[in-house]
Amino acid sequence: MLLERCLAVHVYVLITQTKRTMDEQNALYSQGRSQPGKIVTKAKGGESYHNYGLALDFVPLDQNGHADWTDMDAFITIGNIAKEIGFEWGGDWKFTDLPHLQYTFGLTIADLKSGKEIPTNK
């Protein structure tokens, strides 16, 4: 639905990542801390909605189909469309994460860690 609505307004999106393993999340968390690079997440393994298959990262595409990490208008358009269909957008957070969307079904990370399941009627 997100991709269809973006396409309808001529904004093109590439989904860059969805579910992450705990090891992948921990590797990202170590970036900028114990490993070289820029800090890209505040979440350790088990503390990200990515670990539960409830988040995705994206990038707008330019007219030639190339990732355009600088197109703030496109990020805002995509974020707003996503919010209209129920996603939370990282662009609204204090620790801004423009390319991040999550659909939590009202579950917290604590809920997910304790084994609470995603409602099947949603």
PDB file of N, CA and C in Angstrom:
ATOM      1  N   MET A   1       0.821  -1.181   0.000  1.00  0.00           N
ATOM      2  CA  MET A   1       0.000   0.000   0.000  1.00  0.00           C
ATOM      3  C   MET A   1       0.878   1.262   0.000  1.00  0.00           C
ATOM      4  N   LEU A   2       1.934   1.247   0.803  1.00  0.00           N
ATOM      5  CA  LEU A   2       2.841   2.406   0.854  1.00  0.00           C
ATOM      6  C   LEU A   2       3.439   2.691  -0.519  1.00  0.00           C
ATOM      7  N   LEU A   3       3.958   1.669  -1.152  1.00  0.00           N
ATOM      8  CA  LEU A   3       4.584   1.860  -2.456  1.00  0.00           C
ATOM      9  C   LEU A   3       3.581   2.341  -3.499  1.00  0.00           C
ATOM     10  N   GLU A   4       2.371   1.793  -3.463  1.00  0.00           N
ATOM     11  CA  GLU A   4       1.333   2.214  -4.413  1.00  0.00           C
ATOM     12  C   GLU A   4       0.973   3.683  -4.228  1.00  0.00           C
ATOM     13  N   ARG A   5       0.814   4.112  -2.976  1.00  0.00           N
ATOM     14  CA  ARG A   5       0.448   5.503  -2.719  1.00  0.00           C
ATOM     15  C   ARG A   5       1.574   6.459  -3.091  1.00  0.00           C
ATOM     16  N   CYS A   6       2.801   6.043  -2.861  1.00  0.00           N
ATOM     17  CA  CYS A   6       3.938   6.885  -3.270  1.00  0.00           C
ATOM     18  C   CYS A   6       4.011   6.977  -4.788  1.00  0.00           C
ATOM     19  N   LEU A   7       3.834   5.869  -5.452  1.00  0.00           N
ATOM     20  CA  LEU A   7       3.851   5.841  -6.910  1.00  0.00           C
ATOM     21  C   LEU A   7       2.772   6.764  -7.487  1.00  0.00           C
ATOM     22  N   ALA A   8       1.615   6.805  -6.849  1.00  0.00           N
ATOM     23  CA  ALA A   8       0.510   7.641  -7.325  1.00  0.00           C
ATOM     24  C   ALA A   8       0.856   9.128  -7.317  1.00  0.00           C
ATOM     25  N   VAL A   9       1.801   9.529  -6.459  1.00  0.00           N
ATOM     26  CA  VAL A   9       2.222  10.942  -6.416  1.00  0.00           C
ATOM     27  C   VAL A   9       3.626  11.120  -7.009  1.00  0.00           C
ATOM     28  N   HIS A  10       4.049  10.123  -7.762  1.00  0.00           N
ATOM     29  CA  HIS A  10       5.322  10.155  -8.490  1.00  0.00           C
ATOM     30  C   HIS A  10       6.536  10.295  -7.570  1.00  0.00           C
ATOM     31  N   VAL A  11       6.453   9.618  -6.436  1.00  0.00           N
ATOM     32  CA  VAL A  11       7.594   9.513  -5.529  1.00  0.00           C
ATOM     33  C   VAL A  11       7.974   8.043  -5.519  1.00  0.00           C
ATOM     34  N   TYR A  12       9.217   7.767  -5.835  1.00  0.00           N
ATOM     35  CA  TYR A  12       9.681   6.394  -5.983  1.00  0.00           C
ATOM     36  C   TYR A  12      10.528   6.016  -4.786  1.00  0.00           C
ATOM     37  N   VAL A  13      10.305   4.801  -4.293  1.00  0.00           N
ATOM     38  CA  VAL A  13      10.881   4.362  -3.030  1.00  0.00           C
ATOM     39  C   VAL A  13      11.560   3.009  -3.213  1.00  0.00           C
ATOM     40  N   LEU A  14      12.714   2.860  -2.584  1.00  0.00           N
ATOM     41  CA  LEU A  14      13.387   1.569  -2.500  1.00  0.00           C
ATOM     42  C   LEU A  14      13.409   1.159  -1.038  1.00  0.00           C
ATOM     43  N   ILE A  15      12.894  -0.026  -0.743  1.00  0.00           N
ATOM     44  CA  ILE A  15      12.985  -0.573   0.607  1.00  0.00           C
ATOM     45  C   ILE A  15      14.382  -1.165   0.733  1.00  0.00           C
ATOM     46  N   THR A  16      15.152  -0.670   1.684  1.00  0.00           N
ATOM     47  CA  THR A  16      16.550  -1.088   1.804  1.00  0.00           C
ATOM     48  C   THR A  16      16.771  -2.172   2.848  1.00  0.00           C
ATOM     49  N   GLN A  17      15.889  -2.253   3.827  1.00  0.00           N
ATOM     50  CA  GLN A  17      16.042  -3.291   4.842  1.00  0.00           C
ATOM     51  C   GLN A  17      14.726  -3.492   5.581  1.00  0.00           C
ATOM     52  N   THR A  18      14.488  -4.722   5.957  1.00  0.00           N
ATOM     53  CA  THR A  18      13.302  -5.030   6.750  1.00  0.00           C
ATOM     54  C   THR A  18      13.761  -5.740   8.023  1.00  0.00           C
ATOM     55  N   LYS A  19      13.488  -7.017   8.144  1.00  0.00           N
ATOM     56  CA  LYS A  19      13.838  -7.750   9.367  1.00  0.00           C
ATOM     57  C   LYS A  19      15.349  -7.902   9.499  1.00  0.00           C
ATOM     58  N   ARG A  20      15.833  -7.700  10.723  1.00  0.00           N
ATOM     59  CA  ARG A  20      17.251  -7.885  11.050  1.00  0.00           C
ATOM     60  C   ARG A  20      17.387  -8.944  12.126  1.00  0.00           C
ATOM     61  N   THR A  21      18.455  -9.711  12.036  1.00  0.00           N
ATOM     62  CA  THR A  21      18.777 -10.638  13.114  1.00  0.00           C
ATOM     63  C   THR A  21      19.319  -9.839  14.300  1.00  0.00           C
ATOM     64  N   MET A  22      19.381 -10.489  15.444  1.00  0.00           N
ATOM     65  CA  MET A  22      19.960  -9.842  16.631  1.00  0.00           C
ATOM     66  C   MET A  22      21.427  -9.502  16.368  1.00  0.00           C
ATOM     67  N   ASP A  23      22.150 -10.408  15.697  1.00  0.00           N
ATOM     68  CA  ASP A  23      23.562 -10.157  15.383  1.00  0.00           C
ATOM     69  C   ASP A  23      23.715  -8.951  14.459  1.00  0.00           C
ATOM     70  N   GLU A  24      22.856  -8.853  13.453  1.00  0.00           N
ATOM     71  CA  GLU A  24      22.920  -7.692  12.550  1.00  0.00           C
ATOM     72  C   GLU A  24      22.643  -6.403  13.309  1.00  0.00           C
ATOM     73  N   GLN A  25      21.664  -6.440  14.222  1.00  0.00           N
ATOM     74  CA  GLN A  25      21.338  -5.251  15.005  1.00  0.00           C
ATOM     75  C   GLN A  25      22.503  -4.870  15.915  1.00  0.00           C
ATOM     76  N   ASN A  26      23.114  -5.862  16.554  1.00  0.00           N
ATOM     77  CA  ASN A  26      24.252  -5.582  17.432  1.00  0.00           C
ATOM     78  C   ASN A  26      25.437  -5.019  16.650  1.00  0.00           C
ATOM     79  N   ALA A  27      25.645  -5.500  15.438  1.00  0.00           N
ATOM     80  CA  ALA A  27      26.726  -4.969  14.606  1.00  0.00           C
ATOM     81  C   ALA A  27      26.457  -3.506  14.259  1.00  0.00           C
ATOM     82  N   LEU A  28      25.207  -3.180  13.933  1.00  0.00           N
ATOM     83  CA  LEU A  28      24.866  -1.779  13.660  1.00  0.00           C
ATOM     84  C   LEU A  28      25.030  -0.919  14.916  1.00  0.00           C
ATOM     85  N   TYR A  29      24.642  -1.466  16.070  1.00  0.00           N
ATOM     86  CA  TYR A  29      24.763  -0.725  17.322  1.00  0.00           C
ATOM     87  C   TYR A  29      26.228  -0.437  17.661  1.00  0.00           C
ATOM     88  N   SER A  30      27.106  -1.361  17.344  1.00  0.00           N
ATOM     89  CA  SER A  30      28.530  -1.172  17.663  1.00  0.00           C
ATOM     90  C   SER A  30      29.193  -0.121  16.762  1.00  0.00           C
ATOM     91  N   GLN A  31      28.576   0.147  15.616  1.00  0.00           N
ATOM     92  CA  GLN A  31      29.107   1.146  14.692  1.00  0.00           C
ATOM     93  C   GLN A  31      29.108   2.518  15.374  1.00  0.00           C
ATOM     94  N   GLY A  32      30.267   3.160  15.365  1.00  0.00           N
ATOM     95  CA  GLY A  32      30.401   4.469  16.001  1.00  0.00           C
ATOM     96  C   GLY A  32      30.642   4.373  17.498  1.00  0.00           C
ATOM     97  N   ARG A  33      30.624   3.178  18.015  1.00  0.00           N
ATOM     98  CA  ARG A  33      30.910   2.965  19.426  1.00  0.00           C
ATOM     99  C   ARG A  33      32.202   2.155  19.527  1.00  0.00           C
ATOM    100  N   SER A  34      32.092   0.833  19.451  1.00  0.00           N
ATOM    101  CA  SER A  34      33.304   0.006  19.530  1.00  0.00           C
ATOM    102  C   SER A  34      33.894  -0.295  18.153  1.00  0.00           C
ATOM    103  N   GLN A  35      33.164   0.066  17.091  1.00  0.00           N
ATOM    104  CA  GLN A  35      33.641  -0.134  15.723  1.00  0.00           C
ATOM    105  C   GLN A  35      33.644   1.203  14.988  1.00  0.00           C
ATOM    106  N   PRO A  36      34.468   1.320  13.932  1.00  0.00           N
ATOM    107  CA  PRO A  36      34.514   2.584  13.184  1.00  0.00           C
ATOM    108  C   PRO A  36      33.179   2.914  12.527  1.00  0.00           C
ATOM    109  N   GLY A  37      32.961   4.180  12.288  1.00  0.00           N
ATOM    110  CA  GLY A  37      31.777   4.624  11.581  1.00  0.00           C
ATOM    111  C   GLY A  37      30.934   5.565  12.413  1.00  0.00           C
ATOM    112  N   LYS A  38      29.860   5.982  11.790  1.00  0.00           N
ATOM    113  CA  LYS A  38      28.912   6.906  12.401  1.00  0.00           C
ATOM    114  C   LYS A  38      27.846   6.106  13.157  1.00  0.00           C
ATOM    115  N   ILE A  39      27.407   6.601  14.302  1.00  0.00           N
ATOM    116  CA  ILE A  39      26.321   5.961  15.032  1.00  0.00           C
ATOM    117  C   ILE A  39      25.058   6.040  14.178  1.00  0.00           C
ATOM    118  N   VAL A  40      24.443   4.890  13.967  1.00  0.00           N
ATOM    119  CA  VAL A  40      23.252   4.835  13.120  1.00  0.00           C
ATOM    120  C   VAL A  40      22.023   4.306  13.850  1.00  0.00           C
ATOM    121  N   THR A  41      22.205   3.803  15.076  1.00  0.00           N
ATOM    122  CA  THR A  41      21.061   3.297  15.828  1.00  0.00           C
ATOM    123  C   THR A  41      21.315   3.441  17.314  1.00  0.00           C
ATOM    124  N   LYS A  42      20.233   3.565  18.056  1.00  0.00           N
ATOM    125  CA  LYS A  42      20.307   3.571  19.521  1.00  0.00           C
ATOM    126  C   LYS A  42      19.877   2.219  20.076  1.00  0.00           C
ATOM    127  N   ALA A  43      19.524   1.297  19.212  1.00  0.00           N
ATOM    128  CA  ALA A  43      18.943   0.028  19.638  1.00  0.00           C
ATOM    129  C   ALA A  43      19.919  -1.136  19.490  1.00  0.00           C
ATOM    130  N   LYS A  44      20.103  -1.864  20.588  1.00  0.00           N
ATOM    131  CA  LYS A  44      20.858  -3.117  20.561  1.00  0.00           C
ATOM    132  C   LYS A  44      19.931  -4.218  20.046  1.00  0.00           C
ATOM    133  N   GLY A  45      20.514  -5.386  19.813  1.00  0.00           N
ATOM    134  CA  GLY A  45      19.716  -6.531  19.400  1.00  0.00           C
ATOM    135  C   GLY A  45      18.577  -6.785  20.368  1.00  0.00           C
ATOM    136  N   GLY A  46      17.364  -6.951  19.846  1.00  0.00           N
ATOM    137  CA  GLY A  46      16.181  -7.179  20.658  1.00  0.00           C
ATOM    138  C   GLY A  46      15.449  -5.909  21.026  1.00  0.00           C
ATOM    139  N   GLU A  47      16.079  -4.744  20.764  1.00  0.00           N
ATOM    140  CA  GLU A  47      15.486  -3.457  21.138  1.00  0.00           C
ATOM    141  C   GLU A  47      14.990  -2.665  19.931  1.00  0.00           C
ATOM    142  N   SER A  48      14.983  -3.293  18.776  1.00  0.00           N
ATOM    143  CA  SER A  48      14.535  -2.635  17.550  1.00  0.00           C
ATOM    144  C   SER A  48      13.342  -3.388  16.976  1.00  0.00           C
ATOM    145  N   TYR A  49      12.397  -2.636  16.454  1.00  0.00           N
ATOM    146  CA  TYR A  49      11.262  -3.278  15.789  1.00  0.00           C
ATOM    147  C   TYR A  49      11.712  -4.054  14.555  1.00  0.00           C
ATOM    148  N   HIS A  50      12.885  -3.745  14.012  1.00  0.00           N
ATOM    149  CA  HIS A  50      13.433  -4.530  12.900  1.00  0.00           C
ATOM    150  C   HIS A  50      13.606  -5.992  13.314  1.00  0.00           C
ATOM    151  N   ASN A  51      13.989  -6.230  14.571  1.00  0.00           N
ATOM    152  CA  ASN A  51      14.248  -7.586  15.040  1.00  0.00           C
ATOM    153  C   ASN A  51      13.001  -8.451  15.071  1.00  0.00           C
ATOM    154  N   TYR A  52      11.842  -7.819  14.993  1.00  0.00           N
ATOM    155  CA  TYR A  52      10.568  -8.531  15.065  1.00  0.00           C
ATOM    156  C   TYR A  52       9.786  -8.458  13.747  1.00  0.00           C
ATOM    157  N   GLY A  53      10.440  -7.944  12.715  1.00  0.00           N
ATOM    158  CA  GLY A  53       9.807  -7.858  11.408  1.00  0.00           C
ATOM    159  C   GLY A  53       8.753  -6.773  11.303  1.00  0.00           C
ATOM    160  N   LEU A  54       8.825  -5.761  12.182  1.00  0.00           N
ATOM    161  CA  LEU A  54       7.811  -4.709  12.211  1.00  0.00           C
ATOM    162  C   LEU A  54       8.347  -3.354  11.768  1.00  0.00           C
ATOM    163  N   ALA A  55       9.536  -3.341  11.176  1.00  0.00           N
ATOM    164  CA  ALA A  55      10.122  -2.073  10.722  1.00  0.00           C
ATOM    165  C   ALA A  55      10.770  -2.260   9.369  1.00  0.00           C
ATOM    166  N   LEU A  56      10.910  -1.134   8.681  1.00  0.00           N
ATOM    167  CA  LEU A  56      11.625  -1.138   7.412  1.00  0.00           C
ATOM    168  C   LEU A  56      12.373   0.173   7.252  1.00  0.00           C
ATOM    169  N   ASP A  57      13.431   0.118   6.480  1.00  0.00           N
ATOM    170  CA  ASP A  57      14.177   1.311   6.099  1.00  0.00           C
ATOM    171  C   ASP A  57      14.013   1.497   4.598  1.00  0.00           C
ATOM    172  N   PHE A  58      14.048   2.746   4.171  1.00  0.00           N
ATOM    173  CA  PHE A  58      13.799   3.064   2.769  1.00  0.00           C
ATOM    174  C   PHE A  58      14.657   4.246   2.343  1.00  0.00           C
ATOM    175  N   VAL A  59      14.716   4.437   1.034  1.00  0.00           N
ATOM    176  CA  VAL A  59      15.354   5.621   0.466  1.00  0.00           C
ATOM    177  C   VAL A  59      14.542   6.041  -0.763  1.00  0.00           C
ATOM    178  N   PRO A  60      14.351   7.348  -0.949  1.00  0.00           N
ATOM    179  CA  PRO A  60      13.717   7.812  -2.184  1.00  0.00           C
ATOM    180  C   PRO A  60      14.654   7.561  -3.369  1.00  0.00           C
ATOM    181  N   LEU A  61      14.063   7.385  -4.531  1.00  0.00           N
ATOM    182  CA  LEU A  61      14.838   7.220  -5.754  1.00  0.00           C
ATOM    183  C   LEU A  61      14.683   8.458  -6.623  1.00  0.00           C
ATOM    184  N   ASP A  62      15.764   8.838  -7.298  1.00  0.00           N
ATOM    185  CA  ASP A  62      15.690   9.978  -8.217  1.00  0.00           C
ATOM    186  C   ASP A  62      15.087   9.519  -9.545  1.00  0.00           C
ATOM    187  N   GLN A  63      15.020  10.420 -10.509  1.00  0.00           N
ATOM    188  CA  GLN A  63      14.390  10.103 -11.806  1.00  0.00           C
ATOM    189  C   GLN A  63      15.111   9.000 -12.570  1.00  0.00           C
ATOM    190  N   ASN A  64      16.377   8.765 -12.225  1.00  0.00           N
ATOM    191  CA  ASN A  64      17.144   7.718 -12.897  1.00  0.00           C
ATOM    192  C   ASN A  64      17.138   6.405 -12.119  1.00  0.00           C
ATOM    193  N   GLY A  65      16.364   6.369 -11.025  1.00  0.00           N
ATOM    194  CA  GLY A  65      16.277   5.148 -10.234  1.00  0.00           C
ATOM    195  C   GLY A  65      17.412   4.956  -9.256  1.00  0.00           C
ATOM    196  N   HIS A  66      18.160   6.023  -8.974  1.00  0.00           N
ATOM    197  CA  HIS A  66      19.274   5.946  -8.026  1.00  0.00           C
ATOM    198  C   HIS A  66      18.833   6.442  -6.650  1.00  0.00           C
ATOM    199  N   ALA A  67      19.370   5.833  -5.614  1.00  0.00           N
ATOM    200  CA  ALA A  67      19.075   6.259  -4.246  1.00  0.00           C
ATOM    201  C   ALA A  67      19.458   7.723  -4.071  1.00  0.00           C
ATOM    202  N   ASP A  68      18.556   8.496  -3.479  1.00  0.00           N
ATOM    203  CA  ASP A  68      18.823   9.917  -3.243  1.00  0.00           C
ATOM    204  C   ASP A  68      18.597  10.221  -1.763  1.00  0.00           C
ATOM    205  N   TRP A  69      19.676  10.092  -0.985  1.00  0.00           N
ATOM    206  CA  TRP A  69      19.625  10.299   0.458  1.00  0.00           C
ATOM    207  C   TRP A  69      19.480  11.776   0.818  1.00  0.00           C
ATOM    208  N   THR A  70      19.534  12.672  -0.168  1.00  0.00           N
ATOM    209  CA  THR A  70      19.476  14.111   0.106  1.00  0.00           C
ATOM    210  C   THR A  70      18.113  14.734  -0.207  1.00  0.00           C
ATOM    211  N   ASP A  71      17.177  13.981  -0.742  1.00  0.00           N
ATOM    212  CA  ASP A  71      15.881  14.525  -1.156  1.00  0.00           C
ATOM    213  C   ASP A  71      14.926  14.605   0.036  1.00  0.00           C
ATOM    214  N   MET A  72      15.078  15.668   0.807  1.00  0.00           N
ATOM    215  CA  MET A  72      14.273  15.829   2.016  1.00  0.00           C
ATOM    216  C   MET A  72      12.779  15.916   1.716  1.00  0.00           C
ATOM    217  N   ASP A  73      12.403  16.552   0.609  1.00  0.00           N
ATOM    218  CA  ASP A  73      10.983  16.632   0.249  1.00  0.00           C
ATOM    219  C   ASP A  73      10.398  15.236   0.053  1.00  0.00           C
ATOM    220  N   ALA A  74      11.157  14.375  -0.608  1.00  0.00           N
ATOM    221  CA  ALA A  74      10.674  13.005  -0.841  1.00  0.00           C
ATOM    222  C   ALA A  74      10.579  12.238   0.481  1.00  0.00           C
ATOM    223  N   PHE A  75      11.578  12.390   1.357  1.00  0.00           N
ATOM    224  CA  PHE A  75      11.506  11.724   2.660  1.00  0.00           C
ATOM    225  C   PHE A  75      10.248  12.160   3.406  1.00  0.00           C
ATOM    226  N   ILE A  76       9.963  13.453   3.395  1.00  0.00           N
ATOM    227  CA  ILE A  76       8.792  13.981   4.101  1.00  0.00           C
ATOM    228  C   ILE A  76       7.506  13.450   3.470  1.00  0.00           C
ATOM    229  N   THR A  77       7.444  13.436   2.141  1.00  0.00           N
ATOM    230  CA  THR A  77       6.254  12.907   1.456  1.00  0.00           C
ATOM    231  C   THR A  77       6.035  11.442   1.818  1.00  0.00           C
ATOM    232  N   ILE A  78       7.089  10.652   1.756  1.00  0.00           N
ATOM    233  CA  ILE A  78       6.983   9.222   2.072  1.00  0.00           C
ATOM    234  C   ILE A  78       6.577   9.036   3.529  1.00  0.00           C
ATOM    235  N   GLY A  79       7.220   9.792   4.421  1.00  0.00           N
ATOM    236  CA  GLY A  79       6.881   9.697   5.842  1.00  0.00           C
ATOM    237  C   GLY A  79       5.429  10.035   6.108  1.00  0.00           C
ATOM    238  N   ASN A  80       4.933  11.079   5.471  1.00  0.00           N
ATOM    239  CA  ASN A  80       3.531  11.480   5.670  1.00  0.00           C
ATOM    240  C   ASN A  80       2.555  10.449   5.118  1.00  0.00           C
ATOM    241  N   ILE A  81       2.861   9.903   3.961  1.00  0.00           N
ATOM    242  CA  ILE A  81       2.005   8.849   3.398  1.00  0.00           C
ATOM    243  C   ILE A  81       2.004   7.640   4.335  1.00  0.00           C
ATOM    244  N   ALA A  82       3.170   7.280   4.823  1.00  0.00           N
ATOM    245  CA  ALA A  82       3.276   6.123   5.725  1.00  0.00           C
ATOM    246  C   ALA A  82       2.443   6.337   6.990  1.00  0.00           C
ATOM    247  N   LYS A  83       2.498   7.543   7.536  1.00  0.00           N
ATOM    248  CA  LYS A  83       1.730   7.835   8.747  1.00  0.00           C
ATOM    249  C   LYS A  83       0.229   7.745   8.478  1.00  0.00           C
ATOM    250  N   GLU A  84      -0.198   8.142   7.281  1.00  0.00           N
ATOM    251  CA  GLU A  84      -1.619   8.060   6.928  1.00  0.00           C
ATOM    252  C   GLU A  84      -2.138   6.624   6.965  1.00  0.00           C
ATOM    253  N   ILE A  85      -1.250   5.661   6.721  1.00  0.00           N
ATOM    254  CA  ILE A  85      -1.688   4.260   6.711  1.00  0.00           C
ATOM    255  C   ILE A  85      -1.281   3.509   7.981  1.00  0.00           C
ATOM    256  N   GLY A  86      -0.811   4.255   8.987  1.00  0.00           N
ATOM    257  CA  GLY A  86      -0.596   3.645  10.295  1.00  0.00           C
ATOM    258  C   GLY A  86       0.825   3.426  10.751  1.00  0.00           C
ATOM    259  N   PHE A  87       1.791   3.749   9.916  1.00  0.00           N
ATOM    260  CA  PHE A  87       3.184   3.610  10.338  1.00  0.00           C
ATOM    261  C   PHE A  87       3.589   4.737  11.281  1.00  0.00           C
ATOM    262  N   GLU A  88       4.578   4.472  12.114  1.00  0.00           N
ATOM    263  CA  GLU A  88       5.305   5.509  12.833  1.00  0.00           C
ATOM    264  C   GLU A  88       6.527   5.825  11.982  1.00  0.00           C
ATOM    265  N   TRP A  89       6.872   7.110  11.884  1.00  0.00           N
ATOM    266  CA  TRP A  89       7.992   7.530  11.041  1.00  0.00           C
ATOM    267  C   TRP A  89       9.112   8.084  11.912  1.00  0.00           C
ATOM    268  N   GLY A  90      10.321   7.592  11.675  1.00  0.00           N
ATOM    269  CA  GLY A  90      11.491   8.047  12.414  1.00  0.00           C
ATOM    270  C   GLY A  90      11.811   9.517  12.207  1.00  0.00           C
ATOM    271  N   GLY A  91      11.250  10.129  11.185  1.00  0.00           N
ATOM    272  CA  GLY A  91      11.458  11.553  10.952  1.00  0.00           C
ATOM    273  C   GLY A  91      10.785  12.426  11.991  1.00  0.00           C
ATOM    274  N   ASP A  92       9.880  11.849  12.770  1.00  0.00           N
ATOM    275  CA  ASP A  92       9.186  12.590  13.820  1.00  0.00           C
ATOM    276  C   ASP A  92       9.885  12.467  15.176  1.00  0.00           C
ATOM    277  N   TRP A  93      10.939  11.686  15.244  1.00  0.00           N
ATOM    278  CA  TRP A  93      11.586  11.425  16.526  1.00  0.00           C
ATOM    279  C   TRP A  93      12.637  12.469  16.865  1.00  0.00           C
ATOM    280  N   LYS A  94      12.947  12.566  18.155  1.00  0.00           N
ATOM    281  CA  LYS A  94      14.025  13.455  18.616  1.00  0.00           C
ATOM    282  C   LYS A  94      15.352  13.008  17.984  1.00  0.00           C
ATOM    283  N   PHE A  95      15.626  11.704  18.020  1.00  0.00           N
ATOM    284  CA  PHE A  95      16.774  11.111  17.328  1.00  0.00           C
ATOM    285  C   PHE A  95      16.277  10.801  15.922  1.00  0.00           C
ATOM    286  N   THR A  96      16.311  11.797  15.054  1.00  0.00           N
ATOM    287  CA  THR A  96      15.705  11.696  13.725  1.00  0.00           C
ATOM    288  C   THR A  96      16.289  10.530  12.934  1.00  0.00           C
ATOM    289  N   ASP A  97      15.392   9.749  12.368  1.00  0.00           N
ATOM    290  CA  ASP A  97      15.767   8.595  11.549  1.00  0.00           C
ATOM    291  C   ASP A  97      14.866   8.604  10.312  1.00  0.00           C
ATOM    292  N   LEU A  98      15.169   9.520   9.381  1.00  0.00           N
ATOM    293  CA  LEU A  98      14.308   9.739   8.213  1.00  0.00           C
ATOM    294  C   LEU A  98      13.966   8.472   7.441  1.00  0.00           C
ATOM    295  N   PRO A  99      14.904   7.545   7.232  1.00  0.00           N
ATOM    296  CA  PRO A  99      14.569   6.385   6.404  1.00  0.00           C
ATOM    297  C   PRO A  99      13.903   5.232   7.152  1.00  0.00           C
ATOM    298  N   HIS A 100      13.388   5.477   8.346  1.00  0.00           N
ATOM    299  CA  HIS A 100      12.835   4.389   9.160  1.00  0.00           C
ATOM    300  C   HIS A 100      11.323   4.515   9.313  1.00  0.00           C
ATOM    301  N   LEU A 101      10.651   3.379   9.137  1.00  0.00           N
ATOM    302  CA  LEU A 101       9.215   3.251   9.403  1.00  0.00           C
ATOM    303  C   LEU A 101       8.995   2.011  10.254  1.00  0.00           C
ATOM    304  N   GLN A 102       8.003   2.085  11.139  1.00  0.00           N
ATOM    305  CA  GLN A 102       7.642   0.889  11.898  1.00  0.00           C
ATOM    306  C   GLN A 102       6.137   0.840  12.087  1.00  0.00           C
ATOM    307  N   TYR A 103       5.630  -0.375  12.093  1.00  0.00           N
ATOM    308  CA  TYR A 103       4.211  -0.620  12.304  1.00  0.00           C
ATOM    309  C   TYR A 103       4.141  -1.548  13.506  1.00  0.00           C
ATOM    310  N   THR A 104       3.793  -1.003  14.660  1.00  0.00           N
ATOM    311  CA  THR A 104       3.964  -1.723  15.925  1.00  0.00           C
ATOM    312  C   THR A 104       2.738  -2.492  16.414  1.00  0.00           C
ATOM    313  N   PHE A 105       1.590  -2.261  15.814  1.00  0.00           N
ATOM    314  CA  PHE A 105       0.344  -2.881  16.279  1.00  0.00           C
ATOM    315  C   PHE A 105       0.080  -2.546  17.743  1.00  0.00           C
ATOM    316  N   GLY A 106       0.656  -1.429  18.216  1.00  0.00           N
ATOM    317  CA  GLY A 106       0.478  -1.017  19.607  1.00  0.00           C
ATOM    318  C   GLY A 106       1.348  -1.772  20.593  1.00  0.00           C
ATOM    319  N   LEU A 107       2.225  -2.625  20.090  1.00  0.00           N
ATOM    320  CA  LEU A 107       3.105  -3.399  20.961  1.00  0.00           C
ATOM    321  C   LEU A 107       4.385  -2.630  21.257  1.00  0.00           C
ATOM    322  N   THR A 108       4.842  -2.718  22.476  1.00  0.00           N
ATOM    323  CA  THR A 108       6.122  -2.123  22.854  1.00  0.00           C
ATOM    324  C   THR A 108       7.228  -3.156  22.655  1.00  0.00           C
ATOM    325  N   ILE A 109       8.454  -2.685  22.712  1.00  0.00           N
ATOM    326  CA  ILE A 109       9.586  -3.619  22.649  1.00  0.00           C
ATOM    327  C   ILE A 109       9.512  -4.593  23.825  1.00  0.00           C
ATOM    328  N   ALA A 110       9.130  -4.108  25.003  1.00  0.00           N
ATOM    329  CA  ALA A 110       8.989  -5.000  26.169  1.00  0.00           C
ATOM    330  C   ALA A 110       7.954  -6.092  25.885  1.00  0.00           C
ATOM    331  N   ASP A 111       6.845  -5.724  25.239  1.00  0.00           N
ATOM    332  CA  ASP A 111       5.844  -6.722  24.862  1.00  0.00           C
ATOM    333  C   ASP A 111       6.450  -7.788  23.959  1.00  0.00           C
ATOM    334  N   LEU A 112       7.185  -7.344  22.965  1.00  0.00           N
ATOM    335  CA  LEU A 112       7.764  -8.274  22.000  1.00  0.00           C
ATOM    336  C   LEU A 112       8.831  -9.154  22.645  1.00  0.00           C
ATOM    337  N   LYS A 113       9.652  -8.563  23.506  1.00  0.00           N
ATOM    338  CA  LYS A 113      10.675  -9.347  24.210  1.00  0.00           C
ATOM    339  C   LYS A 113      10.052 -10.419  25.093  1.00  0.00           C
ATOM    340  N   SER A 114       8.890 -10.117  25.653  1.00  0.00           N
ATOM    341  CA  SER A 114       8.226 -11.083  26.539  1.00  0.00           C
ATOM    342  C   SER A 114       7.448 -12.149  25.761  1.00  0.00           C
ATOM    343  N   GLY A 115       7.442 -12.029  24.429  1.00  0.00           N
ATOM    344  CA  GLY A 115       6.804 -13.047  23.606  1.00  0.00           C
ATOM    345  C   GLY A 115       5.388 -12.724  23.188  1.00  0.00           C
ATOM    346  N   LYS A 116       4.915 -11.524  23.514  1.00  0.00           N
ATOM    347  CA  LYS A 116       3.555 -11.159  23.106  1.00  0.00           C
ATOM    348  C   LYS A 116       3.488 -11.169  21.583  1.00  0.00           C
ATOM    349  N   GLU A 117       2.410 -11.704  21.058  1.00  0.00           N
ATOM    350  CA  GLU A 117       2.286 -11.873  19.615  1.00  0.00           C
ATOM    351  C   GLU A 117       1.528 -10.737  18.973  1.00  0.00           C
ATOM    352  N   ILE A 118       1.812 -10.552  17.700  1.00  0.00           N
ATOM    353  CA  ILE A 118       1.130  -9.534  16.887  1.00  0.00           C
ATOM    354  C   ILE A 118      -0.324  -9.980  16.721  1.00  0.00           C
ATOM    355  N   PRO A 119      -1.272  -9.063  16.946  1.00  0.00           N
ATOM    356  CA  PRO A 119      -2.677  -9.427  16.754  1.00  0.00           C
ATOM    357  C   PRO A 119      -2.929  -9.890  15.323  1.00  0.00           C
ATOM    358  N   THR A 120      -3.669 -10.971  15.164  1.00  0.00           N
ATOM    359  CA  THR A 120      -3.908 -11.524  13.834  1.00  0.00           C
ATOM    360  C   THR A 120      -5.072 -10.863  13.119  1.00  0.00           C
ATOM    361  N   ASN A 121      -5.857 -10.072  13.826  1.00  0.00           N
ATOM    362  CA  ASN A 121      -7.018  -9.439  13.207  1.00  0.00           C
ATOM    363  C   ASN A 121      -6.690  -8.059  12.624  1.00  0.00           C
ATOM    364  N   LYS A 122      -5.432  -7.671  12.552  1.00  0.00           N
ATOM    365  CA  LYS A 122      -5.057  -6.344  12.033  1.00  0.00           C
ATOM    366  C   LYS A 122      -4.559  -6.448  10.627  1.00  0.00           C
TER     367      LYS A 122
END
